[in-house]
Each structure stands twice: as structure tokens, then as C-alpha cells.
Amino acid sequence: MLEIRGLAASINEKPILKGIDLTVPAGEVHAIMGPNGSGKSTLGYVLSGREDYVVTGGTATFNGVDLLTMEPEQRAAAGLFLAFQAPIELPGVNNANFLRTALNAIRRAHGESELDAVQFLKLAKAETKRLAMPDDMLKRNVNVGFSGGEKKRNEVLQMALLRPRLAILDETDSGLDIDALKIVADGVNALRRPEFSALVITHHQRLLDYLVPNRVHVLLHGRIVRSGGPELAKELEKSGYAELIAEAA
């Protein structure tokens, strides 16, 4: 599904990623953990094609295709989705229209017929109900006046509607209470299937109690320095990163 070798990237000529090696097979969920400033969000931005990040080395392939040569919209059409740590507000943009436009763009790219307003609302309301979101969120402007938890659930709603093949969750658990955290995790778990993979960027092991990963990777100073099973996240929760930081010094 996702194959990264020696990936290096910078922003404003400052190196952030310094040789990432990572494989996420189809059907698996992998977690990325690490202290602030280690490059976790940068990895997500680079994979999704954010223009101010410059790739300076290495490769990244998605289903055998060179991801780094694709425009952001091509990556989305191919099935890559990025859930933001801090979803932005879009005043004047109706949430339902935004979601329908995004979904129909993906459907057109796949040669599928577009959904009309009635078809889309039926689908969207089913998903909002499953995510415990009030229907009126579809009538509001995108993320405007939403609580932190509502913004994150709206990201999961987008993911549920678009049904990506690879979802990158950039600290989606940030600022969530326990109930909202479980709803978000359940939304991701509902998408788990043999052709779906996820890369979950998180600071906290608590999300991984609900969203059990196949592998956990520790990113430090722009490199993955340790990988393991779900038990690695619990180990980090107890001991922190001090030992790993000392080893890397």
C-alpha cells in the first residue's frame, strides 16, 4: 500500500525529515508517535502534497505509483486522505455542499456517476447518525462554530463518505474527551477492510486502546528509531521518550 524509503524533506530550507523508512501494508493500521518537533505532522503533510514542504530525497510509493510526482488532488483521487490536527473553518461554505462536491469529485475520477442532492443527503444523514452527529451540522458552514470534538467528527464524516484507501490521521485525538475519542475511533474502525490502511499520528496511547494498531513506530529527530507492536505505545506511555532521546544523542 504505502512504501517509503529514505524520505527527506524540509520547510523554509530547514531539514525536518531526515531519512524515513516505513512500509504500511494494505489492511493495516500503523501508529506514529514521538515528541513535539520530531517530524510527525511533516510526514503527513509531505505525503498529502502540501506545497510549502520540499522533498529533498528518498521515495514514497502508493499502490506502486510514485506518490511524490502527483498533485494533491490526484493523491486524493487515488484514495489518500489527510485528517487535520486543527481543521480550518470555511465561512460561507455549506458543509453538505462541501462534502458532496468532494465526494462527487472522487466519483468522477473513478468514472462513477455523481450523486444528486437527495442521494447525497440520504447517505450523509446515515453517516452522521452513526457518528452521533446532529443533522444540523450538515446545514452549517464548514467547521464554523464547531467545538473541537465536532471538527474532528466532521473530519471522520468526510473520511466515511470518501472511503479512502489510505487515511492519515494527524493527531485527530487532540482535544477530545473520552466519549468523542471513542466515536472517532469507532468511525475509523468501521472503515477497516483488506484494501484500507491508516497511518495514525498521535501523542497518546489512549486512542490506541480503541484503535488497535498493527504496528507502532517512534519518530525522533526526523527518523524512525524504533518499531514494535501495540505494547510499544504502552511502554512509551509509562517511560516517555527520555531513553530514546539519550540513545539518539
C-alpha atoms as a PDB file:
ATOM      1  CA  MET A   1       0.000   0.000   0.000  1.00  0.00           C
ATOM      2  CA  LEU A   2       2.488   2.673   1.211  1.00  0.00           C
ATOM      3  CA  GLU A   3       6.232   2.235   0.766  1.00  0.00           C
ATOM      4  CA  ILE A   4       8.612   4.966   1.967  1.00  0.00           C
ATOM      5  CA  ARG A   5      12.371   4.762   1.571  1.00  0.00           C
ATOM      6  CA  GLY A   6      14.891   7.380   2.721  1.00  0.00           C
ATOM      7  CA  LEU A   7      12.328  10.177   2.628  1.00  0.00           C
ATOM      8  CA  ALA A   8      13.837  13.562   3.449  1.00  0.00           C
ATOM      9  CA  ALA A   9      12.024  16.890   3.450  1.00  0.00           C
ATOM     10  CA  SER A  10      12.450  20.457   4.587  1.00  0.00           C
ATOM     11  CA  ILE A  11      10.458  23.641   5.052  1.00  0.00           C
ATOM     12  CA  ASN A  12      11.975  27.109   4.631  1.00  0.00           C
ATOM     13  CA  GLU A  13      15.288  25.304   3.965  1.00  0.00           C
ATOM     14  CA  LYS A  14      15.181  23.710   7.433  1.00  0.00           C
ATOM     15  CA  PRO A  15      15.544  19.890   7.284  1.00  0.00           C
ATOM     16  CA  ILE A  16      12.711  18.122   9.140  1.00  0.00           C
ATOM     17  CA  LEU A  17      12.559  14.581   7.771  1.00  0.00           C
ATOM     18  CA  LYS A  18      15.999  13.027   7.555  1.00  0.00           C
ATOM     19  CA  GLY A  19      15.518   9.587   6.040  1.00  0.00           C
ATOM     20  CA  ILE A  20      12.164   7.944   6.804  1.00  0.00           C
ATOM     21  CA  ASP A  21      11.843   4.221   6.045  1.00  0.00           C
ATOM     22  CA  LEU A  22       8.301   2.913   6.506  1.00  0.00           C
ATOM     23  CA  THR A  23       6.034   0.275   4.999  1.00  0.00           C
ATOM     24  CA  VAL A  24       2.280   0.205   5.643  1.00  0.00           C
ATOM     25  CA  PRO A  25       0.746  -2.898   4.036  1.00  0.00           C
ATOM     26  CA  ALA A  26      -2.839  -2.966   2.799  1.00  0.00           C
ATOM     27  CA  GLY A  27      -5.324  -3.702   5.556  1.00  0.00           C
ATOM     28  CA  GLU A  28      -3.108  -2.497   8.402  1.00  0.00           C
ATOM     29  CA  VAL A  29      -3.217   0.437  10.813  1.00  0.00           C
ATOM     30  CA  HIS A  30       0.153   1.873  11.872  1.00  0.00           C
ATOM     31  CA  ALA A  31       0.699   4.481  14.573  1.00  0.00           C
ATOM     32  CA  ILE A  32       3.405   7.150  14.586  1.00  0.00           C
ATOM     33  CA  MET A  33       4.412   8.504  17.994  1.00  0.00           C
ATOM     34  CA  GLY A  34       7.136  10.881  19.111  1.00  0.00           C
ATOM     35  CA  PRO A  35       7.817  14.109  20.993  1.00  0.00           C
ATOM     36  CA  ASN A  36       6.910  17.555  19.689  1.00  0.00           C
ATOM     37  CA  GLY A  37       9.063  18.699  16.786  1.00  0.00           C
ATOM     38  CA  SER A  38      10.084  15.210  15.728  1.00  0.00           C
ATOM     39  CA  GLY A  39       8.501  15.478  12.259  1.00  0.00           C
ATOM     40  CA  LYS A  40       5.231  13.572  12.688  1.00  0.00           C
ATOM     41  CA  SER A  41       2.926  16.175  11.139  1.00  0.00           C
ATOM     42  CA  THR A  42       5.514  16.984   8.488  1.00  0.00           C
ATOM     43  CA  LEU A  43       5.369  13.373   7.342  1.00  0.00           C
ATOM     44  CA  GLY A  44       1.602  13.645   6.890  1.00  0.00           C
ATOM     45  CA  TYR A  45       1.907  16.950   5.041  1.00  0.00           C
ATOM     46  CA  VAL A  46       4.588  15.653   2.689  1.00  0.00           C
ATOM     47  CA  LEU A  47       2.571  12.531   1.840  1.00  0.00           C
ATOM     48  CA  SER A  48      -0.551  14.601   1.148  1.00  0.00           C
ATOM     49  CA  GLY A  49       1.354  17.069  -1.057  1.00  0.00           C
ATOM     50  CA  ARG A  50       1.352  20.300   0.943  1.00  0.00           C
ATOM     51  CA  GLU A  51       3.229  22.696  -1.315  1.00  0.00           C
ATOM     52  CA  ASP A  52       5.437  24.501   1.209  1.00  0.00           C
ATOM     53  CA  TYR A  53       7.226  21.271   2.159  1.00  0.00           C
ATOM     54  CA  VAL A  54      10.114  20.386  -0.151  1.00  0.00           C
ATOM     55  CA  VAL A  55      11.152  16.766  -0.661  1.00  0.00           C
ATOM     56  CA  THR A  56      14.945  16.642  -0.735  1.00  0.00           C
ATOM     57  CA  GLY A  57      15.491  12.905  -1.013  1.00  0.00           C
ATOM     58  CA  GLY A  58      14.012   9.427  -0.986  1.00  0.00           C
ATOM     59  CA  THR A  59      10.874   7.893  -2.432  1.00  0.00           C
ATOM     60  CA  ALA A  60       7.250   7.286  -1.496  1.00  0.00           C
ATOM     61  CA  THR A  61       5.015   4.967  -3.498  1.00  0.00           C
ATOM     62  CA  PHE A  62       1.282   4.401  -3.041  1.00  0.00           C
ATOM     63  CA  ASN A  63      -0.083   1.204  -4.591  1.00  0.00           C
ATOM     64  CA  GLY A  64       3.029   1.062  -6.723  1.00  0.00           C
ATOM     65  CA  VAL A  65       2.686   4.625  -8.058  1.00  0.00           C
ATOM     66  CA  ASP A  66       5.188   7.407  -7.335  1.00  0.00           C
ATOM     67  CA  LEU A  67       3.245   9.496  -4.830  1.00  0.00           C
ATOM     68  CA  LEU A  68       5.664  12.406  -4.871  1.00  0.00           C
ATOM     69  CA  THR A  69       5.048  13.212  -8.552  1.00  0.00           C
ATOM     70  CA  MET A  70       1.273  13.526  -8.065  1.00  0.00           C
ATOM     71  CA  GLU A  71      -0.661  16.728  -7.432  1.00  0.00           C
ATOM     72  CA  PRO A  72      -2.622  16.855  -4.138  1.00  0.00           C
ATOM     73  CA  GLU A  73      -5.949  16.344  -5.965  1.00  0.00           C
ATOM     74  CA  GLN A  74      -4.501  13.328  -7.784  1.00  0.00           C
ATOM     75  CA  ARG A  75      -3.430  11.832  -4.459  1.00  0.00           C
ATOM     76  CA  ALA A  76      -6.934  12.351  -3.107  1.00  0.00           C
ATOM     77  CA  ALA A  77      -8.489  10.744  -6.191  1.00  0.00           C
ATOM     78  CA  ALA A  78      -6.116   7.792  -5.780  1.00  0.00           C
ATOM     79  CA  GLY A  79      -7.502   7.280  -2.275  1.00  0.00           C
ATOM     80  CA  LEU A  80      -5.281   9.253   0.107  1.00  0.00           C
ATOM     81  CA  PHE A  81      -6.988  11.271   2.853  1.00  0.00           C
ATOM     82  CA  LEU A  82      -5.478  13.574   5.485  1.00  0.00           C
ATOM     83  CA  ALA A  83      -7.426  14.367   8.666  1.00  0.00           C
ATOM     84  CA  PHE A  84      -6.036  17.611  10.077  1.00  0.00           C
ATOM     85  CA  GLN A  85      -4.873  18.208  13.634  1.00  0.00           C
ATOM     86  CA  ALA A  86      -6.602  21.613  13.527  1.00  0.00           C
ATOM     87  CA  PRO A  87      -9.345  21.578  10.856  1.00  0.00           C
ATOM     88  CA  ILE A  88      -9.818  25.019   9.354  1.00  0.00           C
ATOM     89  CA  GLU A  89     -13.083  26.961   9.236  1.00  0.00           C
ATOM     90  CA  LEU A  90     -14.605  27.882   5.868  1.00  0.00           C
ATOM     91  CA  PRO A  91     -17.074  30.739   6.399  1.00  0.00           C
ATOM     92  CA  GLY A  92     -19.765  30.880   3.742  1.00  0.00           C
ATOM     93  CA  VAL A  93     -19.198  27.283   2.598  1.00  0.00           C
ATOM     94  CA  ASN A  94     -22.101  24.978   3.449  1.00  0.00           C
ATOM     95  CA  ASN A  95     -20.915  21.712   4.985  1.00  0.00           C
ATOM     96  CA  ALA A  96     -23.246  19.485   2.957  1.00  0.00           C
ATOM     97  CA  ASN A  97     -22.302  21.203  -0.317  1.00  0.00           C
ATOM     98  CA  PHE A  98     -18.623  20.931   0.556  1.00  0.00           C
ATOM     99  CA  LEU A  99     -18.890  17.220   1.324  1.00  0.00           C
ATOM    100  CA  ARG A 100     -20.997  16.470  -1.748  1.00  0.00           C
ATOM    101  CA  THR A 101     -18.567  18.361  -4.007  1.00  0.00           C
ATOM    102  CA  ALA A 102     -15.622  16.419  -2.594  1.00  0.00           C
ATOM    103  CA  LEU A 103     -17.393  13.077  -2.914  1.00  0.00           C
ATOM    104  CA  ASN A 104     -18.530  13.728  -6.483  1.00  0.00           C
ATOM    105  CA  ALA A 105     -15.015  14.801  -7.471  1.00  0.00           C
ATOM    106  CA  ILE A 106     -13.740  11.422  -6.274  1.00  0.00           C
ATOM    107  CA  ARG A 107     -16.591   9.603  -8.037  1.00  0.00           C
ATOM    108  CA  ARG A 108     -15.832  11.427 -11.325  1.00  0.00           C
ATOM    109  CA  ALA A 109     -12.161  10.475 -11.039  1.00  0.00           C
ATOM    110  CA  HIS A 110     -13.223   6.831 -10.715  1.00  0.00           C
ATOM    111  CA  GLY A 111     -15.619   7.033 -13.646  1.00  0.00           C
ATOM    112  CA  GLU A 112     -18.695   6.793 -11.407  1.00  0.00           C
ATOM    113  CA  SER A 113     -21.903   8.789 -11.694  1.00  0.00           C
ATOM    114  CA  GLU A 114     -22.335  11.783  -9.394  1.00  0.00           C
ATOM    115  CA  LEU A 115     -24.823  11.779  -6.522  1.00  0.00           C
ATOM    116  CA  ASP A 116     -27.661  14.269  -6.658  1.00  0.00           C
ATOM    117  CA  ALA A 117     -28.649  16.253  -3.577  1.00  0.00           C
ATOM    118  CA  VAL A 118     -31.272  13.727  -2.436  1.00  0.00           C
ATOM    119  CA  GLN A 119     -28.965  10.735  -2.824  1.00  0.00           C
ATOM    120  CA  PHE A 120     -26.159  12.518  -1.032  1.00  0.00           C
ATOM    121  CA  LEU A 121     -28.276  13.671   1.916  1.00  0.00           C
ATOM    122  CA  LYS A 122     -29.586  10.145   2.458  1.00  0.00           C
ATOM    123  CA  LEU A 123     -26.024   8.837   2.607  1.00  0.00           C
ATOM    124  CA  ALA A 124     -24.701  11.725   4.712  1.00  0.00           C
ATOM    125  CA  LYS A 125     -27.508  11.526   7.280  1.00  0.00           C
ATOM    126  CA  ALA A 126     -26.866   7.804   7.751  1.00  0.00           C
ATOM    127  CA  GLU A 127     -23.211   8.547   8.474  1.00  0.00           C
ATOM    128  CA  THR A 128     -23.943  11.478  10.823  1.00  0.00           C
ATOM    129  CA  LYS A 129     -26.265   9.227  12.802  1.00  0.00           C
ATOM    130  CA  ARG A 130     -23.595   6.555  13.082  1.00  0.00           C
ATOM    131  CA  LEU A 131     -21.087   9.158  14.287  1.00  0.00           C
ATOM    132  CA  ALA A 132     -23.563  10.646  16.803  1.00  0.00           C
ATOM    133  CA  MET A 133     -23.515  13.975  14.954  1.00  0.00           C
ATOM    134  CA  PRO A 134     -26.660  16.123  14.797  1.00  0.00           C
ATOM    135  CA  ASP A 135     -28.131  16.517  11.298  1.00  0.00           C
ATOM    136  CA  ASP A 136     -27.915  20.299  11.547  1.00  0.00           C
ATOM    137  CA  MET A 137     -24.118  20.074  11.247  1.00  0.00           C
ATOM    138  CA  LEU A 138     -24.700  19.421   7.552  1.00  0.00           C
ATOM    139  CA  LYS A 139     -26.565  22.745   7.277  1.00  0.00           C
ATOM    140  CA  ARG A 140     -23.847  24.820   8.955  1.00  0.00           C
ATOM    141  CA  ASN A 141     -20.739  26.306   7.360  1.00  0.00           C
ATOM    142  CA  VAL A 142     -17.690  24.049   7.354  1.00  0.00           C
ATOM    143  CA  ASN A 143     -16.347  23.900  10.933  1.00  0.00           C
ATOM    144  CA  VAL A 144     -17.659  27.393  11.737  1.00  0.00           C
ATOM    145  CA  GLY A 145     -18.787  27.462  15.355  1.00  0.00           C
ATOM    146  CA  PHE A 146     -17.958  23.779  15.746  1.00  0.00           C
ATOM    147  CA  SER A 147     -16.449  22.582  19.009  1.00  0.00           C
ATOM    148  CA  GLY A 148     -13.082  20.827  18.854  1.00  0.00           C
ATOM    149  CA  GLY A 149     -14.800  17.456  19.050  1.00  0.00           C
ATOM    150  CA  GLU A 150     -17.303  18.387  16.329  1.00  0.00           C
ATOM    151  CA  LYS A 151     -14.486  19.433  13.997  1.00  0.00           C
ATOM    152  CA  LYS A 152     -12.765  16.094  14.467  1.00  0.00           C
ATOM    153  CA  ARG A 153     -16.004  14.182  13.951  1.00  0.00           C
ATOM    154  CA  ASN A 154     -16.580  16.188  10.787  1.00  0.00           C
ATOM    155  CA  GLU A 155     -13.174  15.014   9.565  1.00  0.00           C
ATOM    156  CA  VAL A 156     -14.207  11.415  10.248  1.00  0.00           C
ATOM    157  CA  LEU A 157     -17.506  12.085   8.440  1.00  0.00           C
ATOM    158  CA  GLN A 158     -15.517  13.210   5.392  1.00  0.00           C
ATOM    159  CA  MET A 159     -13.466  10.045   5.613  1.00  0.00           C
ATOM    160  CA  ALA A 160     -16.562   7.855   5.959  1.00  0.00           C
ATOM    161  CA  LEU A 161     -18.109   9.420   2.849  1.00  0.00           C
ATOM    162  CA  LEU A 162     -14.962   9.446   0.704  1.00  0.00           C
ATOM    163  CA  ARG A 163     -13.869   5.949   1.808  1.00  0.00           C
ATOM    164  CA  PRO A 164     -10.131   6.430   1.155  1.00  0.00           C
ATOM    165  CA  ARG A 165      -7.665   3.603   0.701  1.00  0.00           C
ATOM    166  CA  LEU A 166      -5.095   5.293   2.954  1.00  0.00           C
ATOM    167  CA  ALA A 167      -6.119   7.629   5.774  1.00  0.00           C
ATOM    168  CA  ILE A 168      -3.533   9.762   7.550  1.00  0.00           C
ATOM    169  CA  LEU A 169      -4.849  10.990  10.905  1.00  0.00           C
ATOM    170  CA  ASP A 170      -2.762  13.875  12.209  1.00  0.00           C
ATOM    171  CA  GLU A 171      -3.447  13.917  15.964  1.00  0.00           C
ATOM    172  CA  THR A 172      -7.182  13.508  15.422  1.00  0.00           C
ATOM    173  CA  ASP A 173      -7.466  12.671  19.123  1.00  0.00           C
ATOM    174  CA  SER A 174      -6.117  16.084  20.185  1.00  0.00           C
ATOM    175  CA  GLY A 175      -8.570  17.902  22.463  1.00  0.00           C
ATOM    176  CA  LEU A 176     -11.174  15.131  22.535  1.00  0.00           C
ATOM    177  CA  ASP A 177     -12.964  13.910  25.636  1.00  0.00           C
ATOM    178  CA  ILE A 178     -13.371  10.168  26.200  1.00  0.00           C
ATOM    179  CA  ASP A 179     -16.784   9.896  24.510  1.00  0.00           C
ATOM    180  CA  ALA A 180     -15.697  11.836  21.415  1.00  0.00           C
ATOM    181  CA  LEU A 181     -12.451   9.862  21.278  1.00  0.00           C
ATOM    182  CA  LYS A 182     -14.356   6.587  21.145  1.00  0.00           C
ATOM    183  CA  ILE A 183     -16.709   7.898  18.448  1.00  0.00           C
ATOM    184  CA  VAL A 184     -13.765   8.952  16.293  1.00  0.00           C
ATOM    185  CA  ALA A 185     -12.033   5.604  16.809  1.00  0.00           C
ATOM    186  CA  ASP A 186     -15.243   3.725  16.002  1.00  0.00           C
ATOM    187  CA  GLY A 187     -15.561   5.760  12.798  1.00  0.00           C
ATOM    188  CA  VAL A 188     -12.080   4.709  11.715  1.00  0.00           C
ATOM    189  CA  ASN A 189     -12.614   1.102  12.783  1.00  0.00           C
ATOM    190  CA  ALA A 190     -15.774   0.974  10.645  1.00  0.00           C
ATOM    191  CA  LEU A 191     -13.598   1.622   7.584  1.00  0.00           C
ATOM    192  CA  ARG A 192     -11.158  -1.183   8.308  1.00  0.00           C
ATOM    193  CA  ARG A 193     -11.128  -3.660   5.433  1.00  0.00           C
ATOM    194  CA  PRO A 194      -8.459  -5.535   3.422  1.00  0.00           C
ATOM    195  CA  GLU A 195      -7.955  -2.626   0.997  1.00  0.00           C
ATOM    196  CA  PHE A 196      -7.902   0.116   3.655  1.00  0.00           C
ATOM    197  CA  SER A 197      -4.857   1.275   5.621  1.00  0.00           C
ATOM    198  CA  ALA A 198      -4.298   4.072   8.105  1.00  0.00           C
ATOM    199  CA  LEU A 199      -1.341   5.993   9.450  1.00  0.00           C
ATOM    200  CA  VAL A 200      -2.311   7.378  12.854  1.00  0.00           C
ATOM    201  CA  ILE A 201      -0.168  10.207  14.225  1.00  0.00           C
ATOM    202  CA  THR A 202      -0.720  10.586  17.953  1.00  0.00           C
ATOM    203  CA  HIS A 203       0.874  11.688  21.210  1.00  0.00           C
ATOM    204  CA  HIS A 204      -1.253   9.470  23.406  1.00  0.00           C
ATOM    205  CA  GLN A 205      -1.664   5.762  23.878  1.00  0.00           C
ATOM    206  CA  ARG A 206      -5.321   6.184  24.885  1.00  0.00           C
ATOM    207  CA  LEU A 207      -6.520   6.420  21.264  1.00  0.00           C
ATOM    208  CA  LEU A 208      -4.773   3.152  20.531  1.00  0.00           C
ATOM    209  CA  ASP A 209      -6.864   1.411  23.209  1.00  0.00           C
ATOM    210  CA  TYR A 210      -9.814   1.837  20.837  1.00  0.00           C
ATOM    211  CA  LEU A 211      -7.957   1.850  17.530  1.00  0.00           C
ATOM    212  CA  VAL A 212      -5.586  -1.071  17.995  1.00  0.00           C
ATOM    213  CA  PRO A 213      -2.687  -0.714  15.525  1.00  0.00           C
ATOM    214  CA  ASN A 214      -0.771  -3.493  13.823  1.00  0.00           C
ATOM    215  CA  ARG A 215       2.492  -1.614  14.362  1.00  0.00           C
ATOM    216  CA  VAL A 216       3.737   1.392  16.346  1.00  0.00           C
ATOM    217  CA  HIS A 217       6.692   3.496  15.180  1.00  0.00           C
ATOM    218  CA  VAL A 218       8.618   6.113  17.138  1.00  0.00           C
ATOM    219  CA  LEU A 219       9.755   9.132  15.129  1.00  0.00           C
ATOM    220  CA  LEU A 220      12.579  11.164  16.629  1.00  0.00           C
ATOM    221  CA  HIS A 221      14.708  13.897  15.037  1.00  0.00           C
ATOM    222  CA  GLY A 222      13.240  13.150  11.606  1.00  0.00           C
ATOM    223  CA  ARG A 223      13.870   9.406  11.660  1.00  0.00           C
ATOM    224  CA  ILE A 224      12.029   6.303  12.830  1.00  0.00           C
ATOM    225  CA  VAL A 225      14.159   4.983  15.665  1.00  0.00           C
ATOM    226  CA  ARG A 226      12.055   2.122  16.977  1.00  0.00           C
ATOM    227  CA  SER A 227       9.121  -0.011  15.828  1.00  0.00           C
ATOM    228  CA  GLY A 228       7.036  -2.607  17.611  1.00  0.00           C
ATOM    229  CA  GLY A 229       3.576  -3.903  18.335  1.00  0.00           C
ATOM    230  CA  PRO A 230       0.803  -2.163  20.297  1.00  0.00           C
ATOM    231  CA  GLU A 231       2.702  -2.845  23.507  1.00  0.00           C
ATOM    232  CA  LEU A 232       5.317  -0.257  22.446  1.00  0.00           C
ATOM    233  CA  ALA A 233       2.732   2.515  22.854  1.00  0.00           C
ATOM    234  CA  LYS A 234       2.001   1.361  26.397  1.00  0.00           C
ATOM    235  CA  GLU A 235       5.714   1.273  27.151  1.00  0.00           C
ATOM    236  CA  LEU A 236       6.095   4.850  25.928  1.00  0.00           C
ATOM    237  CA  GLU A 237       3.097   5.957  27.995  1.00  0.00           C
ATOM    238  CA  LYS A 238       4.905   4.714  31.115  1.00  0.00           C
ATOM    239  CA  SER A 239       8.508   5.674  30.407  1.00  0.00           C
ATOM    240  CA  GLY A 240       8.296   8.558  27.928  1.00  0.00           C
ATOM    241  CA  TYR A 241      10.942   9.306  25.303  1.00  0.00           C
ATOM    242  CA  ALA A 242      13.911  10.115  27.556  1.00  0.00           C
ATOM    243  CA  GLU A 243      15.707   6.839  26.943  1.00  0.00           C
ATOM    244  CA  LEU A 244      15.256   7.058  23.176  1.00  0.00           C
ATOM    245  CA  ILE A 245      16.403  10.676  23.133  1.00  0.00           C
ATOM    246  CA  ALA A 246      19.503   9.719  25.096  1.00  0.00           C
ATOM    247  CA  GLU A 247      20.252   6.863  22.707  1.00  0.00           C
ATOM    248  CA  ALA A 248      19.949   9.200  19.716  1.00  0.00           C
ATOM    249  CA  ALA A 249      22.185  11.875  21.231  1.00  0.00           C
END
